[in-house]
Amino acid sequence: MTKQTLSSGTIHQVPKDLRTVLESQSDLLEVWNDLTPIARDEWICWVTIVKKEETRAAHLVRLCEELREGKRRPCCWPGCPHRRPNAAKWFGAKK
């Protein structure tokens, strides 16, 4: 069995906890690699931008569920503030 590579985003690298989740579930890894780099950036940022570990863990669970449901990007959030300056106001990020 050949190990599949894990694609990253355009500005974000896949963090260790997300990498572990994706590499342990081949169906998710296939869906993940089929996303556009910008869509992967959105998911990575959505998982990593939270402050509490419990929230991050919940985001990882939800990411798995939503990828399996066919969603291509995280629902109901203004987007990665690192890529879109107009989204920075929602997170207090500096331009």
Protein backbone atom coordinates (compact mmCIF):
# COMPACT_ATOMS: atom_id res chain seq x y z
CA MET A 1 0.00 0.00 0.00
CA THR A 2 1.41 3.39 -1.03
CA LYS A 3 1.23 6.24 1.43
CA GLN A 4 -0.71 9.18 0.02
CA THR A 5 0.80 12.61 0.30
CA LEU A 6 -0.97 15.34 2.25
CA SER A 7 -1.57 18.55 0.33
CA SER A 8 -1.23 21.89 2.10
CA GLY A 9 -2.75 25.30 1.55
CA THR A 10 -1.31 28.35 -0.15
CA ILE A 11 -0.41 30.27 3.02
CA HIS A 12 -1.00 27.74 5.80
CA GLN A 13 0.80 24.48 6.53
CA VAL A 14 -1.17 21.53 7.89
CA PRO A 15 -0.70 21.43 11.68
CA LYS A 16 0.34 18.20 13.38
CA ASP A 17 -3.06 17.40 14.93
CA LEU A 18 -4.91 17.90 11.64
CA ARG A 19 -2.23 15.92 9.79
CA THR A 20 -2.70 13.02 12.22
CA VAL A 21 -6.48 13.03 11.74
CA LEU A 22 -6.30 13.17 7.95
CA GLU A 23 -3.55 10.58 7.56
CA SER A 24 -5.36 8.12 9.83
CA GLN A 25 -8.50 8.17 7.67
CA SER A 26 -7.86 7.46 4.00
CA ASP A 27 -11.34 8.58 2.89
CA LEU A 28 -10.76 12.01 4.46
CA LEU A 29 -7.27 12.27 3.02
CA GLU A 30 -8.62 11.69 -0.46
CA VAL A 31 -11.30 14.38 -0.01
CA TRP A 32 -8.74 16.77 1.54
CA ASN A 33 -6.34 16.39 -1.37
CA ASP A 34 -9.20 17.04 -3.81
CA LEU A 35 -9.88 20.48 -2.26
CA THR A 36 -8.37 23.59 -3.79
CA PRO A 37 -5.35 25.03 -1.95
CA ILE A 38 -7.45 28.04 -0.92
CA ALA A 39 -10.18 25.77 0.47
CA ARG A 40 -7.52 23.88 2.45
CA ASP A 41 -6.27 27.24 3.78
CA GLU A 42 -9.80 28.02 4.97
CA TRP A 43 -10.08 24.73 6.85
CA ILE A 44 -6.60 25.02 8.38
CA CYS A 45 -7.24 28.56 9.54
CA TRP A 46 -10.69 27.66 10.88
CA VAL A 47 -9.17 24.85 12.97
CA THR A 48 -6.16 26.81 14.23
CA ILE A 49 -7.62 30.26 14.89
CA VAL A 50 -9.53 29.20 18.02
CA LYS A 51 -7.99 29.79 21.44
CA LYS A 52 -9.21 26.83 23.53
CA GLU A 53 -7.98 23.28 23.03
CA GLU A 54 -11.51 21.92 23.50
CA THR A 55 -12.79 24.16 20.72
CA ARG A 56 -9.97 23.08 18.46
CA ALA A 57 -10.77 19.41 19.15
CA ALA A 58 -14.43 20.10 18.35
CA HIS A 59 -13.40 21.80 15.11
CA LEU A 60 -11.37 18.74 14.10
CA VAL A 61 -14.39 16.51 14.67
CA ARG A 62 -16.64 18.87 12.74
CA LEU A 63 -14.09 19.12 9.90
CA CYS A 64 -14.20 15.33 9.51
CA GLU A 65 -17.98 15.27 9.53
CA GLU A 66 -18.36 18.11 7.06
CA LEU A 67 -15.75 16.78 4.63
CA ARG A 68 -17.61 13.46 4.62
CA GLU A 69 -20.85 15.36 3.92
CA GLY A 70 -19.21 16.91 0.87
CA LYS A 71 -18.66 20.41 2.19
CA ARG A 72 -15.69 22.11 0.58
CA ARG A 73 -15.20 24.96 3.09
CA PRO A 74 -16.10 25.63 6.72
CA CYS A 75 -19.63 26.86 7.09
CA CYS A 76 -20.67 30.12 8.71
CA TRP A 77 -17.43 31.98 9.19
CA PRO A 78 -16.10 35.06 7.38
CA GLY A 79 -13.00 33.38 6.00
CA CYS A 80 -9.29 33.35 6.61
CA PRO A 81 -8.23 36.80 7.87
CA HIS A 82 -4.71 36.05 6.67
CA ARG A 83 -5.87 36.01 3.05
CA ARG A 84 -8.74 38.50 3.08
CA PRO A 85 -8.10 41.79 4.86
CA ASN A 86 -11.83 42.55 5.09
CA ALA A 87 -12.28 39.42 7.26
CA ALA A 88 -9.64 40.60 9.76
CA LYS A 89 -12.19 42.74 11.62
CA TRP A 90 -13.96 39.57 12.80
CA PHE A 91 -10.82 38.24 14.47
CA GLY A 92 -8.98 41.37 15.52
CA ALA A 93 -6.15 40.43 13.18
CA LYS A 94 -3.83 43.14 12.00
CA LYS A 95 -3.51 43.82 8.29
